[in-house]
C-alpha atoms as a PDB file:
ATOM      1  CA  UNK A   1      21.595  12.050 -10.464  1.00  0.00           C
ATOM      2  CA  UNK A   2      19.340   9.666 -12.353  1.00  0.00           C
ATOM      3  CA  UNK A   3      15.927   8.669 -11.036  1.00  0.00           C
ATOM      4  CA  UNK A   4      14.227   5.731 -12.708  1.00  0.00           C
ATOM      5  CA  UNK A   5      10.651   5.455 -11.445  1.00  0.00           C
ATOM      6  CA  UNK A   6      10.332   1.972 -12.923  1.00  0.00           C
ATOM      7  CA  UNK A   7      12.900   0.740 -10.425  1.00  0.00           C
ATOM      8  CA  UNK A   8      10.826   2.040  -7.503  1.00  0.00           C
ATOM      9  CA  UNK A   9       7.627   0.598  -8.921  1.00  0.00           C
ATOM     10  CA  UNK A  10       9.171  -2.838  -9.494  1.00  0.00           C
ATOM     11  CA  UNK A  11      10.821  -3.294  -6.089  1.00  0.00           C
ATOM     12  CA  UNK A  12       9.414  -6.073  -3.955  1.00  0.00           C
ATOM     13  CA  UNK A  13      10.153  -7.544  -0.552  1.00  0.00           C
ATOM     14  CA  UNK A  14      10.788 -11.294  -0.664  1.00  0.00           C
ATOM     15  CA  UNK A  15       9.340 -13.319   2.210  1.00  0.00           C
ATOM     16  CA  UNK A  16      10.108 -16.980   2.753  1.00  0.00           C
ATOM     17  CA  UNK A  17       7.173 -18.592   4.513  1.00  0.00           C
ATOM     18  CA  UNK A  18       7.477 -21.243   7.210  1.00  0.00           C
ATOM     19  CA  UNK A  19       6.835 -24.007   4.666  1.00  0.00           C
ATOM     20  CA  UNK A  20       9.793 -22.772   2.578  1.00  0.00           C
ATOM     21  CA  UNK A  21       7.812 -21.202  -0.265  1.00  0.00           C
ATOM     22  CA  UNK A  22       8.564 -17.626  -1.200  1.00  0.00           C
ATOM     23  CA  UNK A  23       6.329 -14.703  -2.042  1.00  0.00           C
ATOM     24  CA  UNK A  24       7.252 -11.223  -3.204  1.00  0.00           C
ATOM     25  CA  UNK A  25       5.372  -8.383  -1.547  1.00  0.00           C
ATOM     26  CA  UNK A  26       4.796  -5.168  -3.486  1.00  0.00           C
ATOM     27  CA  UNK A  27       5.075  -1.644  -2.139  1.00  0.00           C
ATOM     28  CA  UNK A  28       1.928  -0.415  -0.384  1.00  0.00           C
ATOM     29  CA  UNK A  29      -0.727   1.757  -1.925  1.00  0.00           C
ATOM     30  CA  UNK A  30      -1.081   5.250  -0.484  1.00  0.00           C
ATOM     31  CA  UNK A  31      -4.206   4.184   1.397  1.00  0.00           C
ATOM     32  CA  UNK A  32      -2.472   1.160   2.924  1.00  0.00           C
ATOM     33  CA  UNK A  33       0.572   3.260   3.808  1.00  0.00           C
ATOM     34  CA  UNK A  34      -1.715   5.652   5.703  1.00  0.00           C
ATOM     35  CA  UNK A  35      -3.271   2.697   7.528  1.00  0.00           C
ATOM     36  CA  UNK A  36       0.141   1.353   8.536  1.00  0.00           C
ATOM     37  CA  UNK A  37       1.241   4.755   9.786  1.00  0.00           C
ATOM     38  CA  UNK A  38      -1.978   5.201  11.791  1.00  0.00           C
ATOM     39  CA  UNK A  39      -1.443   1.788  13.392  1.00  0.00           C
ATOM     40  CA  UNK A  40       2.118   2.710  14.335  1.00  0.00           C
ATOM     41  CA  UNK A  41       0.987   6.005  15.879  1.00  0.00           C
ATOM     42  CA  UNK A  42      -1.752   4.501  18.062  1.00  0.00           C
ATOM     43  CA  UNK A  43      -1.314   4.544  21.811  1.00  0.00           C
ATOM     44  CA  UNK A  44      -1.167   0.791  22.306  1.00  0.00           C
ATOM     45  CA  UNK A  45      -1.025   1.215  26.081  1.00  0.00           C
ATOM     46  CA  UNK A  46      -4.744   2.013  26.154  1.00  0.00           C
ATOM     47  CA  UNK A  47      -5.822  -0.950  24.017  1.00  0.00           C
ATOM     48  CA  UNK A  48      -6.449  -4.494  25.137  1.00  0.00           C
ATOM     49  CA  UNK A  49      -3.922  -7.028  23.897  1.00  0.00           C
ATOM     50  CA  UNK A  50      -6.659  -8.871  21.998  1.00  0.00           C
ATOM     51  CA  UNK A  51      -7.400  -5.702  20.026  1.00  0.00           C
ATOM     52  CA  UNK A  52      -3.730  -5.116  19.225  1.00  0.00           C
ATOM     53  CA  UNK A  53      -3.370  -8.743  18.185  1.00  0.00           C
ATOM     54  CA  UNK A  54      -6.413  -8.527  15.887  1.00  0.00           C
ATOM     55  CA  UNK A  55      -5.166  -5.315  14.264  1.00  0.00           C
ATOM     56  CA  UNK A  56      -1.694  -6.796  13.805  1.00  0.00           C
ATOM     57  CA  UNK A  57      -3.199  -9.848  12.123  1.00  0.00           C
ATOM     58  CA  UNK A  58      -5.311  -7.667   9.836  1.00  0.00           C
ATOM     59  CA  UNK A  59      -2.277  -5.680   8.692  1.00  0.00           C
ATOM     60  CA  UNK A  60      -0.167  -8.837   8.347  1.00  0.00           C
ATOM     61  CA  UNK A  61      -2.784 -10.325   6.029  1.00  0.00           C
ATOM     62  CA  UNK A  62      -2.862  -7.142   3.939  1.00  0.00           C
ATOM     63  CA  UNK A  63       0.931  -7.270   3.640  1.00  0.00           C
ATOM     64  CA  UNK A  64       0.980 -10.943   2.663  1.00  0.00           C
ATOM     65  CA  UNK A  65      -1.924 -10.567   0.235  1.00  0.00           C
ATOM     66  CA  UNK A  66      -0.133  -7.728  -1.571  1.00  0.00           C
ATOM     67  CA  UNK A  67       2.088 -10.248  -3.346  1.00  0.00           C
ATOM     68  CA  UNK A  68       3.078 -10.615  -6.979  1.00  0.00           C
ATOM     69  CA  UNK A  69       2.211 -14.316  -7.046  1.00  0.00           C
ATOM     70  CA  UNK A  70      -1.481 -13.685  -6.422  1.00  0.00           C
ATOM     71  CA  UNK A  71      -1.601 -15.966  -3.387  1.00  0.00           C
ATOM     72  CA  UNK A  72      -4.407 -15.314  -0.935  1.00  0.00           C
ATOM     73  CA  UNK A  73      -3.858 -15.605   2.801  1.00  0.00           C
ATOM     74  CA  UNK A  74      -6.420 -15.605   5.598  1.00  0.00           C
ATOM     75  CA  UNK A  75      -6.606 -16.081   9.368  1.00  0.00           C
ATOM     76  CA  UNK A  76      -7.031 -19.832   8.947  1.00  0.00           C
ATOM     77  CA  UNK A  77      -3.729 -19.995   7.071  1.00  0.00           C
ATOM     78  CA  UNK A  78      -1.933 -17.979   9.772  1.00  0.00           C
ATOM     79  CA  UNK A  79      -3.241 -20.243  12.530  1.00  0.00           C
ATOM     80  CA  UNK A  80      -2.618 -23.474  10.619  1.00  0.00           C
ATOM     81  CA  UNK A  81       0.969 -22.505   9.727  1.00  0.00           C
ATOM     82  CA  UNK A  82       1.782 -21.155  13.197  1.00  0.00           C
ATOM     83  CA  UNK A  83       2.279 -17.558  12.100  1.00  0.00           C
ATOM     84  CA  UNK A  84       1.575 -16.153  15.540  1.00  0.00           C
ATOM     85  CA  UNK A  85       1.653 -12.632  16.944  1.00  0.00           C
ATOM     86  CA  UNK A  86       5.448 -12.592  17.339  1.00  0.00           C
ATOM     87  CA  UNK A  87       6.041 -13.654  13.731  1.00  0.00           C
ATOM     88  CA  UNK A  88       3.388 -11.203  12.539  1.00  0.00           C
ATOM     89  CA  UNK A  89       5.165  -8.331  14.303  1.00  0.00           C
ATOM     90  CA  UNK A  90       8.391  -9.330  12.543  1.00  0.00           C
ATOM     91  CA  UNK A  91       6.604  -9.282   9.174  1.00  0.00           C
ATOM     92  CA  UNK A  92       5.227  -5.831   9.988  1.00  0.00           C
ATOM     93  CA  UNK A  93       8.662  -4.572  11.091  1.00  0.00           C
ATOM     94  CA  UNK A  94      10.401  -5.913   7.969  1.00  0.00           C
ATOM     95  CA  UNK A  95       7.726  -4.402   5.721  1.00  0.00           C
ATOM     96  CA  UNK A  96       8.075  -1.018   7.387  1.00  0.00           C
ATOM     97  CA  UNK A  97      11.853  -1.192   6.863  1.00  0.00           C
ATOM     98  CA  UNK A  98      11.199  -2.053   3.188  1.00  0.00           C
ATOM     99  CA  UNK A  99       8.969   1.027   2.870  1.00  0.00           C
ATOM    100  CA  UNK A 100      11.555   3.213   4.597  1.00  0.00           C
ATOM    101  CA  UNK A 101      14.254   1.936   2.239  1.00  0.00           C
ATOM    102  CA  UNK A 102      12.093   2.792  -0.775  1.00  0.00           C
ATOM    103  CA  UNK A 103      11.541   6.295   0.560  1.00  0.00           C
ATOM    104  CA  UNK A 104      15.189   6.986   1.378  1.00  0.00           C
ATOM    105  CA  UNK A 105      16.951   5.094  -1.417  1.00  0.00           C
ATOM    106  CA  UNK A 106      14.660   4.962  -4.444  1.00  0.00           C
ATOM    107  CA  UNK A 107      17.228   3.497  -6.841  1.00  0.00           C
END
C-alpha cells in the first residue's frame, strides 16, 4: 500500500455558489474539526432555534472562508444571496462527508 500525504493535503471540496461561481474548500484544521464535532454532538433539543441557526451560520462561514481562492464571506453575503438555514445545513452535511471521505480513503 502506498500513502502519499501530499494527496491528502491537496484535496479540496468544490462548491458551486448560487451565482454560479465556484470555490474550493480545504480540509479543516484540527481546531476547526474539533469545533465541528462539538457542534454535531450538542443536544439541539435543549437549544432555541435561533441559537442553532446562529451556530450553523457561524460554521457555514468558517467552511466557506476556508477556500483556496481567498474569498471572504460574511453574514451579509449569506443573506443577500439567499443562503438560508436549509442551504447552510446542506453545506455543513457535504463538508462533513468530505472530511469523512478524507479519513476513510486518504488516497
